[in-house]
PDB file of N, CA and C in Angstrom:
ATOM      1  N   MET A   1     -13.209  12.622 -37.654  1.00  0.00           N
ATOM      2  CA  MET A   1     -12.695  11.850 -36.956  1.00  0.00           C
ATOM      3  C   MET A   1     -12.893  10.983 -36.215  1.00  0.00           C
ATOM      4  N   VAL A   2     -12.168   9.745 -36.577  1.00  0.00           N
ATOM      5  CA  VAL A   2     -12.269   8.546 -35.574  1.00  0.00           C
ATOM      6  C   VAL A   2     -11.360   8.471 -34.329  1.00  0.00           C
ATOM      7  N   THR A   3     -11.900   8.219 -33.106  1.00  0.00           N
ATOM      8  CA  THR A   3     -10.586   8.153 -32.525  1.00  0.00           C
ATOM      9  C   THR A   3     -10.705   6.688 -32.004  1.00  0.00           C
ATOM     10  N   ALA A   4      -9.540   6.455 -31.127  1.00  0.00           N
ATOM     11  CA  ALA A   4      -9.552   4.641 -31.226  1.00  0.00           C
ATOM     12  C   ALA A   4      -9.637   4.778 -29.522  1.00  0.00           C
ATOM     13  N   GLU A   5     -10.523   3.692 -29.340  1.00  0.00           N
ATOM     14  CA  GLU A   5     -11.066   3.001 -28.296  1.00  0.00           C
ATOM     15  C   GLU A   5     -10.005   1.993 -27.727  1.00  0.00           C
ATOM     16  N   PRO A   6     -10.094   1.996 -26.512  1.00  0.00           N
ATOM     17  CA  PRO A   6      -8.905   1.510 -25.848  1.00  0.00           C
ATOM     18  C   PRO A   6      -9.816  -0.289 -26.310  1.00  0.00           C
ATOM     19  N   GLY A   7      -8.263  -1.056 -26.041  1.00  0.00           N
ATOM     20  CA  GLY A   7      -8.802  -2.608 -26.823  1.00  0.00           C
ATOM     21  C   GLY A   7      -9.099  -2.947 -25.299  1.00  0.00           C
ATOM     22  N   VAL A   8      -9.508  -4.583 -25.800  1.00  0.00           N
ATOM     23  CA  VAL A   8      -9.940  -5.362 -25.071  1.00  0.00           C
ATOM     24  C   VAL A   8      -9.019  -5.453 -24.101  1.00  0.00           C
ATOM     25  N   GLY A   9      -7.652  -5.680 -24.719  1.00  0.00           N
ATOM     26  CA  GLY A   9      -6.546  -5.989 -23.648  1.00  0.00           C
ATOM     27  C   GLY A   9      -5.581  -5.136 -22.606  1.00  0.00           C
ATOM     28  N   ALA A  10      -6.257  -3.630 -23.079  1.00  0.00           N
ATOM     29  CA  ALA A  10      -6.111  -2.742 -22.277  1.00  0.00           C
ATOM     30  C   ALA A  10      -6.558  -2.482 -20.943  1.00  0.00           C
ATOM     31  N   ILE A  11      -8.007  -2.478 -21.709  1.00  0.00           N
ATOM     32  CA  ILE A  11      -9.333  -2.739 -20.436  1.00  0.00           C
ATOM     33  C   ILE A  11      -8.932  -3.590 -19.381  1.00  0.00           C
ATOM     34  N   MET A  12      -8.666  -4.716 -20.131  1.00  0.00           N
ATOM     35  CA  MET A  12      -8.265  -6.038 -18.966  1.00  0.00           C
ATOM     36  C   MET A  12      -7.327  -5.615 -18.370  1.00  0.00           C
ATOM     37  N   TRP A  13      -6.127  -5.339 -18.685  1.00  0.00           N
ATOM     38  CA  TRP A  13      -5.006  -4.599 -17.995  1.00  0.00           C
ATOM     39  C   TRP A  13      -5.337  -3.822 -16.948  1.00  0.00           C
ATOM     40  N   LYS A  14      -5.932  -2.858 -17.373  1.00  0.00           N
ATOM     41  CA  LYS A  14      -6.562  -1.982 -16.373  1.00  0.00           C
ATOM     42  C   LYS A  14      -7.316  -2.245 -14.854  1.00  0.00           C
ATOM     43  N   LEU A  15      -7.955  -3.308 -15.335  1.00  0.00           N
ATOM     44  CA  LEU A  15      -8.851  -3.790 -14.551  1.00  0.00           C
ATOM     45  C   LEU A  15      -8.040  -4.709 -13.216  1.00  0.00           C
ATOM     46  N   GLN A  16      -7.436  -5.519 -14.200  1.00  0.00           N
ATOM     47  CA  GLN A  16      -6.736  -6.359 -13.143  1.00  0.00           C
ATOM     48  C   GLN A  16      -5.664  -4.931 -12.043  1.00  0.00           C
ATOM     49  N   MET A  17      -5.060  -4.409 -12.970  1.00  0.00           N
ATOM     50  CA  MET A  17      -3.842  -3.341 -11.854  1.00  0.00           C
ATOM     51  C   MET A  17      -5.141  -2.901 -11.192  1.00  0.00           C
ATOM     52  N   GLN A  18      -5.915  -2.433 -11.203  1.00  0.00           N
ATOM     53  CA  GLN A  18      -7.352  -1.820 -10.172  1.00  0.00           C
ATOM     54  C   GLN A  18      -7.540  -2.482  -9.253  1.00  0.00           C
ATOM     55  N   ALA A  19      -7.777  -4.095  -9.390  1.00  0.00           N
ATOM     56  CA  ALA A  19      -8.316  -5.013  -8.337  1.00  0.00           C
ATOM     57  C   ALA A  19      -6.590  -5.464  -7.592  1.00  0.00           C
ATOM     58  N   PHE A  20      -5.520  -5.110  -8.423  1.00  0.00           N
ATOM     59  CA  PHE A  20      -4.279  -5.556  -7.454  1.00  0.00           C
ATOM     60  C   PHE A  20      -4.331  -4.599  -6.593  1.00  0.00           C
ATOM     61  N   GLY A  21      -4.171  -2.661  -6.951  1.00  0.00           N
ATOM     62  CA  GLY A  21      -3.930  -2.117  -6.077  1.00  0.00           C
ATOM     63  C   GLY A  21      -4.915  -2.497  -4.756  1.00  0.00           C
ATOM     64  N   ALA A  22      -6.210  -2.815  -5.199  1.00  0.00           N
ATOM     65  CA  ALA A  22      -6.945  -3.138  -3.990  1.00  0.00           C
ATOM     66  C   ALA A  22      -6.915  -4.123  -3.062  1.00  0.00           C
ATOM     67  N   ASP A  23      -6.090  -5.186  -3.392  1.00  0.00           N
ATOM     68  CA  ASP A  23      -5.896  -6.361  -2.776  1.00  0.00           C
ATOM     69  C   ASP A  23      -4.568  -6.088  -1.745  1.00  0.00           C
ATOM     70  N   VAL A  24      -3.786  -4.910  -2.356  1.00  0.00           N
ATOM     71  CA  VAL A  24      -2.514  -4.155  -1.740  1.00  0.00           C
ATOM     72  C   VAL A  24      -3.070  -3.407  -0.308  1.00  0.00           C
ATOM     73  N   ARG A  25      -4.158  -3.030  -0.978  1.00  0.00           N
ATOM     74  CA  ARG A  25      -4.630  -1.643  -0.074  1.00  0.00           C
ATOM     75  C   ARG A  25      -4.959  -2.140   1.301  1.00  0.00           C
ATOM     76  N   ASP A  26      -5.784  -3.653   1.264  1.00  0.00           N
ATOM     77  CA  ASP A  26      -6.633  -3.910   1.979  1.00  0.00           C
ATOM     78  C   ASP A  26      -5.752  -4.853   2.799  1.00  0.00           C
ATOM     79  N   ARG A  27      -4.523  -5.955   2.114  1.00  0.00           N
ATOM     80  CA  ARG A  27      -3.331  -6.576   2.900  1.00  0.00           C
ATOM     81  C   ARG A  27      -2.641  -5.601   4.111  1.00  0.00           C
ATOM     82  N   ILE A  28      -2.389  -4.149   3.272  1.00  0.00           N
ATOM     83  CA  ILE A  28      -2.001  -3.527   4.547  1.00  0.00           C
ATOM     84  C   ILE A  28      -2.892  -2.692   5.180  1.00  0.00           C
ATOM     85  N   LEU A  29      -3.946  -2.888   5.287  1.00  0.00           N
ATOM     86  CA  LEU A  29      -4.857  -2.530   6.522  1.00  0.00           C
ATOM     87  C   LEU A  29      -5.049  -3.139   7.350  1.00  0.00           C
ATOM     88  N   ALA A  30      -5.056  -4.421   6.715  1.00  0.00           N
ATOM     89  CA  ALA A  30      -4.979  -5.798   8.026  1.00  0.00           C
ATOM     90  C   ALA A  30      -3.940  -5.431   8.990  1.00  0.00           C
ATOM     91  N   LEU A  31      -2.523  -5.128   7.884  1.00  0.00           N
ATOM     92  CA  LEU A  31      -1.253  -4.746   8.620  1.00  0.00           C
ATOM     93  C   LEU A  31      -1.457  -3.780   9.777  1.00  0.00           C
ATOM     94  N   VAL A  32      -1.882  -3.162   9.566  1.00  0.00           N
ATOM     95  CA  VAL A  32      -1.898  -1.798  10.428  1.00  0.00           C
ATOM     96  C   VAL A  32      -2.978  -1.909  11.679  1.00  0.00           C
ATOM     97  N   LYS A  33      -3.960  -2.866  11.514  1.00  0.00           N
ATOM     98  CA  LYS A  33      -5.061  -3.165  12.087  1.00  0.00           C
ATOM     99  C   LYS A  33      -4.392  -4.334  13.198  1.00  0.00           C
ATOM    100  N   ALA A  34      -3.721  -5.315  12.682  1.00  0.00           N
ATOM    101  CA  ALA A  34      -2.667  -5.658  13.702  1.00  0.00           C
ATOM    102  C   ALA A  34      -1.931  -5.267  14.366  1.00  0.00           C
ATOM    103  N   ILE A  35      -0.802  -4.423  14.448  1.00  0.00           N
ATOM    104  CA  ILE A  35      -0.657  -3.449  15.344  1.00  0.00           C
ATOM    105  C   ILE A  35      -1.251  -3.111  15.871  1.00  0.00           C
ATOM    106  N   LEU A  36      -2.120  -2.285  15.608  1.00  0.00           N
ATOM    107  CA  LEU A  36      -2.815  -1.626  16.411  1.00  0.00           C
ATOM    108  C   LEU A  36      -3.703  -2.229  17.331  1.00  0.00           C
ATOM    109  N   LYS A  37      -4.007  -3.161  17.321  1.00  0.00           N
ATOM    110  CA  LYS A  37      -4.494  -4.265  18.068  1.00  0.00           C
ATOM    111  C   LYS A  37      -3.705  -4.572  19.232  1.00  0.00           C
ATOM    112  N   GLN A  38      -2.474  -4.908  18.770  1.00  0.00           N
ATOM    113  CA  GLN A  38      -1.330  -5.627  19.772  1.00  0.00           C
ATOM    114  C   GLN A  38      -1.065  -4.400  20.635  1.00  0.00           C
ATOM    115  N   ASN A  39      -1.271  -3.141  20.124  1.00  0.00           N
ATOM    116  CA  ASN A  39      -1.139  -2.344  21.140  1.00  0.00           C
ATOM    117  C   ASN A  39      -1.958  -2.093  22.032  1.00  0.00           C
ATOM    118  N   ALA A  40      -3.548  -2.552  21.690  1.00  0.00           N
ATOM    119  CA  ALA A  40      -4.716  -2.441  22.585  1.00  0.00           C
ATOM    120  C   ALA A  40      -5.085  -0.655  22.118  1.00  0.00           C
ATOM    121  N   ILE A  41      -5.314  -0.642  21.022  1.00  0.00           N
ATOM    122  CA  ILE A  41      -5.555   0.732  20.382  1.00  0.00           C
ATOM    123  C   ILE A  41      -6.890   0.727  19.590  1.00  0.00           C
ATOM    124  N   ALA A  42      -7.587   1.467  20.040  1.00  0.00           N
ATOM    125  CA  ALA A  42      -8.888   1.072  18.932  1.00  0.00           C
ATOM    126  C   ALA A  42      -9.255   2.446  18.226  1.00  0.00           C
ATOM    127  N   SER A  43      -8.898   2.421  16.546  1.00  0.00           N
ATOM    128  CA  SER A  43      -8.608   3.624  16.303  1.00  0.00           C
ATOM    129  C   SER A  43      -9.140   2.892  14.718  1.00  0.00           C
ATOM    130  N   ASP A  44     -10.382   3.907  13.965  1.00  0.00           N
ATOM    131  CA  ASP A  44     -10.665   3.753  12.530  1.00  0.00           C
ATOM    132  C   ASP A  44      -9.499   3.991  11.681  1.00  0.00           C
ATOM    133  N   VAL A  45      -9.239   3.432  10.811  1.00  0.00           N
ATOM    134  CA  VAL A  45      -8.427   3.013   9.794  1.00  0.00           C
ATOM    135  C   VAL A  45      -8.746   3.140   8.831  1.00  0.00           C
ATOM    136  N   THR A  46      -8.550   4.052   7.863  1.00  0.00           N
ATOM    137  CA  THR A  46      -9.166   4.105   6.234  1.00  0.00           C
ATOM    138  C   THR A  46      -8.020   4.404   5.768  1.00  0.00           C
ATOM    139  N   PRO A  47      -7.693   4.136   4.180  1.00  0.00           N
ATOM    140  CA  PRO A  47      -6.496   4.464   3.570  1.00  0.00           C
ATOM    141  C   PRO A  47      -5.469   5.772   3.690  1.00  0.00           C
ATOM    142  N   GLU A  48      -6.930   6.851   3.944  1.00  0.00           N
ATOM    143  CA  GLU A  48      -5.816   8.308   3.963  1.00  0.00           C
ATOM    144  C   GLU A  48      -5.807   8.522   5.382  1.00  0.00           C
ATOM    145  N   SER A  49      -6.169   8.089   6.023  1.00  0.00           N
ATOM    146  CA  SER A  49      -5.540   7.728   7.779  1.00  0.00           C
ATOM    147  C   SER A  49      -3.987   8.142   7.779  1.00  0.00           C
ATOM    148  N   LEU A  50      -3.654   8.765   8.735  1.00  0.00           N
ATOM    149  CA  LEU A  50      -1.929   9.495   8.826  1.00  0.00           C
ATOM    150  C   LEU A  50      -1.733   8.318  10.372  1.00  0.00           C
ATOM    151  N   LEU A  51      -0.607   7.408   9.437  1.00  0.00           N
ATOM    152  CA  LEU A  51      -0.510   6.453  10.581  1.00  0.00           C
ATOM    153  C   LEU A  51      -0.013   7.101  12.334  1.00  0.00           C
ATOM    154  N   VAL A  52       0.907   7.739  11.872  1.00  0.00           N
ATOM    155  CA  VAL A  52       1.405   8.834  13.002  1.00  0.00           C
ATOM    156  C   VAL A  52      -0.097   9.319  14.333  1.00  0.00           C
ATOM    157  N   ASP A  53      -1.003   9.494  13.392  1.00  0.00           N
ATOM    158  CA  ASP A  53      -2.444  10.585  13.721  1.00  0.00           C
ATOM    159  C   ASP A  53      -3.155   9.195  13.999  1.00  0.00           C
ATOM    160  N   ILE A  54      -3.346   7.843  14.160  1.00  0.00           N
ATOM    161  CA  ILE A  54      -4.074   6.658  14.300  1.00  0.00           C
ATOM    162  C   ILE A  54      -3.211   5.848  15.918  1.00  0.00           C
ATOM    163  N   GLY A  55      -2.072   5.991  16.150  1.00  0.00           N
ATOM    164  CA  GLY A  55      -1.170   5.964  17.053  1.00  0.00           C
ATOM    165  C   GLY A  55      -0.298   4.620  17.024  1.00  0.00           C
ATOM    166  N   LEU A  56       0.638   5.338  15.445  1.00  0.00           N
ATOM    167  CA  LEU A  56       1.728   3.999  15.339  1.00  0.00           C
ATOM    168  C   LEU A  56       3.152   4.826  15.706  1.00  0.00           C
ATOM    169  N   THR A  57       3.540   4.298  16.487  1.00  0.00           N
ATOM    170  CA  THR A  57       4.896   5.325  17.021  1.00  0.00           C
ATOM    171  C   THR A  57       6.045   4.523  16.009  1.00  0.00           C
ATOM    172  N   SER A  58       7.363   5.081  16.129  1.00  0.00           N
ATOM    173  CA  SER A  58       8.341   4.865  15.107  1.00  0.00           C
ATOM    174  C   SER A  58       8.477   3.445  15.307  1.00  0.00           C
ATOM    175  N   MET A  59       8.729   2.490  16.213  1.00  0.00           N
ATOM    176  CA  MET A  59       8.452   1.376  16.510  1.00  0.00           C
ATOM    177  C   MET A  59       7.811   0.605  15.746  1.00  0.00           C
ATOM    178  N   ASP A  60       6.580   0.574  15.820  1.00  0.00           N
ATOM    179  CA  ASP A  60       5.461   0.432  15.048  1.00  0.00           C
ATOM    180  C   ASP A  60       5.535   0.347  13.476  1.00  0.00           C
ATOM    181  N   MET A  61       6.161   1.620  13.452  1.00  0.00           N
ATOM    182  CA  MET A  61       6.272   1.596  11.819  1.00  0.00           C
ATOM    183  C   MET A  61       7.950   0.908  10.862  1.00  0.00           C
ATOM    184  N   VAL A  62       8.919   0.340  12.317  1.00  0.00           N
ATOM    185  CA  VAL A  62       9.649  -0.521  11.756  1.00  0.00           C
ATOM    186  C   VAL A  62       9.013  -1.919  11.715  1.00  0.00           C
ATOM    187  N   ASN A  63       8.285  -1.993  12.638  1.00  0.00           N
ATOM    188  CA  ASN A  63       7.123  -3.673  12.401  1.00  0.00           C
ATOM    189  C   ASN A  63       6.364  -3.625  11.283  1.00  0.00           C
ATOM    190  N   LEU A  64       6.062  -2.616  10.762  1.00  0.00           N
ATOM    191  CA  LEU A  64       5.482  -2.078   9.460  1.00  0.00           C
ATOM    192  C   LEU A  64       5.771  -2.624   8.207  1.00  0.00           C
ATOM    193  N   MET A  65       7.365  -1.644   8.750  1.00  0.00           N
ATOM    194  CA  MET A  65       8.041  -2.222   7.247  1.00  0.00           C
ATOM    195  C   MET A  65       8.215  -3.600   6.876  1.00  0.00           C
ATOM    196  N   LEU A  66       8.781  -4.327   8.326  1.00  0.00           N
ATOM    197  CA  LEU A  66       9.118  -5.843   8.327  1.00  0.00           C
ATOM    198  C   LEU A  66       7.774  -6.508   7.944  1.00  0.00           C
ATOM    199  N   SER A  67       6.509  -6.072   8.615  1.00  0.00           N
ATOM    200  CA  SER A  67       5.524  -7.049   7.841  1.00  0.00           C
ATOM    201  C   SER A  67       5.297  -6.919   6.568  1.00  0.00           C
ATOM    202  N   VAL A  68       5.117  -5.652   5.960  1.00  0.00           N
ATOM    203  CA  VAL A  68       5.127  -5.468   4.638  1.00  0.00           C
ATOM    204  C   VAL A  68       5.848  -6.097   4.154  1.00  0.00           C
ATOM    205  N   GLU A  69       7.269  -6.399   3.956  1.00  0.00           N
ATOM    206  CA  GLU A  69       8.633  -6.885   3.667  1.00  0.00           C
ATOM    207  C   GLU A  69       8.206  -8.715   3.222  1.00  0.00           C
ATOM    208  N   ALA A  70       7.536  -9.374   4.677  1.00  0.00           N
ATOM    209  CA  ALA A  70       6.760 -10.418   4.808  1.00  0.00           C
ATOM    210  C   ALA A  70       5.642 -10.559   3.643  1.00  0.00           C
ATOM    211  N   GLU A  71       4.910  -9.916   4.158  1.00  0.00           N
ATOM    212  CA  GLU A  71       3.538 -10.173   3.509  1.00  0.00           C
ATOM    213  C   GLU A  71       3.676  -9.965   2.133  1.00  0.00           C
ATOM    214  N   PHE A  72       4.485  -9.734   1.281  1.00  0.00           N
ATOM    215  CA  PHE A  72       4.530  -9.007  -0.224  1.00  0.00           C
ATOM    216  C   PHE A  72       5.700  -9.964  -0.638  1.00  0.00           C
ATOM    217  N   ASP A  73       6.784 -10.284   0.324  1.00  0.00           N
ATOM    218  CA  ASP A  73       8.105 -11.342  -0.173  1.00  0.00           C
ATOM    219  C   ASP A  73       9.026 -10.551  -1.202  1.00  0.00           C
ATOM    220  N   PHE A  74       9.312  -9.304  -0.491  1.00  0.00           N
ATOM    221  CA  PHE A  74      10.263  -8.340  -1.301  1.00  0.00           C
ATOM    222  C   PHE A  74      11.020  -7.255  -0.201  1.00  0.00           C
ATOM    223  N   THR A  75      11.775  -6.624  -0.631  1.00  0.00           N
ATOM    224  CA  THR A  75      12.819  -6.324   0.340  1.00  0.00           C
ATOM    225  C   THR A  75      12.293  -4.688  -0.023  1.00  0.00           C
ATOM    226  N   ILE A  76      12.276  -3.982   0.799  1.00  0.00           N
ATOM    227  CA  ILE A  76      12.036  -2.595   0.252  1.00  0.00           C
ATOM    228  C   ILE A  76      13.099  -2.017   0.098  1.00  0.00           C
ATOM    229  N   PRO A  77      13.245  -1.251  -1.159  1.00  0.00           N
ATOM    230  CA  PRO A  77      14.934  -0.023  -1.225  1.00  0.00           C
ATOM    231  C   PRO A  77      14.965   0.431  -0.740  1.00  0.00           C
ATOM    232  N   GLN A  78      16.159   0.822   0.135  1.00  0.00           N
ATOM    233  CA  GLN A  78      16.422   1.895   1.157  1.00  0.00           C
ATOM    234  C   GLN A  78      16.131   2.719   0.782  1.00  0.00           C
ATOM    235  N   ASP A  79      15.863   3.600  -0.863  1.00  0.00           N
ATOM    236  CA  ASP A  79      15.655   4.718  -1.016  1.00  0.00           C
ATOM    237  C   ASP A  79      14.230   4.806  -1.103  1.00  0.00           C
ATOM    238  N   GLN A  80      13.678   3.869  -1.110  1.00  0.00           N
ATOM    239  CA  GLN A  80      12.009   3.870  -0.593  1.00  0.00           C
ATOM    240  C   GLN A  80      11.329   4.036   0.802  1.00  0.00           C
ATOM    241  N   ILE A  81      12.321   4.063   1.686  1.00  0.00           N
ATOM    242  CA  ILE A  81      11.663   3.920   3.032  1.00  0.00           C
ATOM    243  C   ILE A  81      12.301   5.450   3.651  1.00  0.00           C
ATOM    244  N   THR A  82      11.015   5.959   3.349  1.00  0.00           N
ATOM    245  CA  THR A  82      10.933   7.499   3.982  1.00  0.00           C
ATOM    246  C   THR A  82       9.699   7.608   4.436  1.00  0.00           C
ATOM    247  N   PRO A  83       9.410   8.680   5.203  1.00  0.00           N
ATOM    248  CA  PRO A  83       8.281   9.344   5.837  1.00  0.00           C
ATOM    249  C   PRO A  83       7.072   9.321   4.741  1.00  0.00           C
ATOM    250  N   GLU A  84       7.656   9.839   4.102  1.00  0.00           N
ATOM    251  CA  GLU A  84       6.405   9.957   2.532  1.00  0.00           C
ATOM    252  C   GLU A  84       6.029   8.727   2.046  1.00  0.00           C
ATOM    253  N   ASN A  85       6.442   7.791   2.135  1.00  0.00           N
ATOM    254  CA  ASN A  85       5.886   6.331   2.094  1.00  0.00           C
ATOM    255  C   ASN A  85       5.393   5.662   3.115  1.00  0.00           C
ATOM    256  N   PHE A  86       5.397   6.434   4.410  1.00  0.00           N
ATOM    257  CA  PHE A  86       4.708   5.646   5.461  1.00  0.00           C
ATOM    258  C   PHE A  86       3.788   6.608   6.346  1.00  0.00           C
ATOM    259  N   GLN A  87       3.116   7.037   5.256  1.00  0.00           N
ATOM    260  CA  GLN A  87       2.341   8.263   6.106  1.00  0.00           C
ATOM    261  C   GLN A  87       1.162   7.548   6.338  1.00  0.00           C
ATOM    262  N   SER A  88       0.994   6.839   5.438  1.00  0.00           N
ATOM    263  CA  SER A  88      -0.426   6.180   5.111  1.00  0.00           C
ATOM    264  C   SER A  88      -0.900   4.896   4.376  1.00  0.00           C
ATOM    265  N   VAL A  89      -1.795   4.085   4.166  1.00  0.00           N
ATOM    266  CA  VAL A  89      -1.990   2.903   3.669  1.00  0.00           C
ATOM    267  C   VAL A  89      -1.808   3.491   2.375  1.00  0.00           C
ATOM    268  N   GLU A  90      -2.655   4.215   2.102  1.00  0.00           N
ATOM    269  CA  GLU A  90      -2.697   4.705   0.078  1.00  0.00           C
ATOM    270  C   GLU A  90      -0.851   4.761   0.294  1.00  0.00           C
ATOM    271  N   THR A  91      -0.348   5.754   0.550  1.00  0.00           N
ATOM    272  CA  THR A  91       1.055   5.825   0.652  1.00  0.00           C
ATOM    273  C   THR A  91       1.793   4.826   0.424  1.00  0.00           C
ATOM    274  N   LEU A  92       1.741   3.866   1.077  1.00  0.00           N
ATOM    275  CA  LEU A  92       2.382   2.476   1.477  1.00  0.00           C
ATOM    276  C   LEU A  92       2.221   1.788  -0.155  1.00  0.00           C
ATOM    277  N   LYS A  93       0.819   1.827  -0.808  1.00  0.00           N
ATOM    278  CA  LYS A  93      -0.165   1.044  -1.429  1.00  0.00           C
ATOM    279  C   LYS A  93       0.595   1.508  -2.752  1.00  0.00           C
ATOM    280  N   ARG A  94       0.817   3.148  -3.295  1.00  0.00           N
ATOM    281  CA  ARG A  94       1.247   3.147  -3.873  1.00  0.00           C
ATOM    282  C   ARG A  94       2.823   3.009  -4.256  1.00  0.00           C
ATOM    283  N   MET A  95       3.735   2.947  -3.350  1.00  0.00           N
ATOM    284  CA  MET A  95       5.038   2.731  -2.848  1.00  0.00           C
ATOM    285  C   MET A  95       5.380   0.861  -3.678  1.00  0.00           C
ATOM    286  N   ILE A  96       4.147   0.350  -2.935  1.00  0.00           N
ATOM    287  CA  ILE A  96       4.267  -1.265  -3.158  1.00  0.00           C
ATOM    288  C   ILE A  96       3.754  -1.801  -4.500  1.00  0.00           C
ATOM    289  N   VAL A  97       3.011  -0.642  -5.197  1.00  0.00           N
ATOM    290  CA  VAL A  97       2.638  -1.570  -6.633  1.00  0.00           C
ATOM    291  C   VAL A  97       3.759  -0.718  -7.396  1.00  0.00           C
ATOM    292  N   HIS A  98       4.239   0.319  -7.393  1.00  0.00           N
ATOM    293  CA  HIS A  98       5.640   0.782  -7.916  1.00  0.00           C
ATOM    294  C   HIS A  98       6.342  -0.610  -8.542  1.00  0.00           C
ATOM    295  N   GLN A  99       6.316  -0.878  -6.826  1.00  0.00           N
ATOM    296  CA  GLN A  99       8.151  -1.936  -6.781  1.00  0.00           C
ATOM    297  C   GLN A  99       7.923  -3.415  -7.345  1.00  0.00           C
ATOM    298  N   LEU A 100       6.233  -3.422  -7.034  1.00  0.00           N
ATOM    299  CA  LEU A 100       5.939  -4.952  -7.754  1.00  0.00           C
ATOM    300  C   LEU A 100       5.507  -4.909  -8.907  1.00  0.00           C
ATOM    301  N   GLN A 101       5.070  -3.689  -9.475  1.00  0.00           N
ATOM    302  CA  GLN A 101       4.224  -3.928 -10.391  1.00  0.00           C
ATOM    303  C   GLN A 101       4.853  -2.493 -11.542  1.00  0.00           C
ATOM    304  N   PRO A 102       6.174  -1.981 -11.769  1.00  0.00           N
ATOM    305  CA  PRO A 102       6.695  -0.472 -12.282  1.00  0.00           C
ATOM    306  C   PRO A 102       6.120  -0.288 -13.289  1.00  0.00           C
ATOM    307  N   GLU A 103       5.116  -1.254 -14.158  1.00  0.00           N
ATOM    308  CA  GLU A 103       4.375  -0.571 -15.712  1.00  0.00           C
ATOM    309  C   GLU A 103       3.102  -0.449 -15.060  1.00  0.00           C
ATOM    310  N   ALA A 104       2.717  -0.681 -13.739  1.00  0.00           N
ATOM    311  CA  ALA A 104       1.314   0.148 -13.139  1.00  0.00           C
ATOM    312  C   ALA A 104       1.397   1.210 -12.521  1.00  0.00           C
ATOM    313  N   ALA A 105       2.565   1.887 -12.111  1.00  0.00           N
ATOM    314  CA  ALA A 105       2.560   3.239 -11.740  1.00  0.00           C
ATOM    315  C   ALA A 105       2.886   4.611 -12.525  1.00  0.00           C
ATOM    316  N   ALA A 106       3.256   4.120 -13.691  1.00  0.00           N
ATOM    317  CA  ALA A 106       3.259   4.759 -15.010  1.00  0.00           C
ATOM    318  C   ALA A 106       2.287   5.409 -15.330  1.00  0.00           C
TER     319      ALA A 106
END
């Protein structure tokens, strides 16, 4: 039995989506770090860090939401403004990638 290997196009698409996701993650990390710096909070931030645990308040979350919309030039749909999507850099990244590249999230 012969198995079909992914074509070069599929491999390139997957690599581009991985790079896109990494870029989105890095940009969100920079936004979070800027808010922490503005608030004079020294905290290590990883993609999995819970944003409330590193010191972001509800007002900071609103600031982060507006910063994300400006950074990525899109409006977050009302139904996506949920605590689950704003738990961490990683959950934000997944939501943003899904909104900007719907086929990438499948």
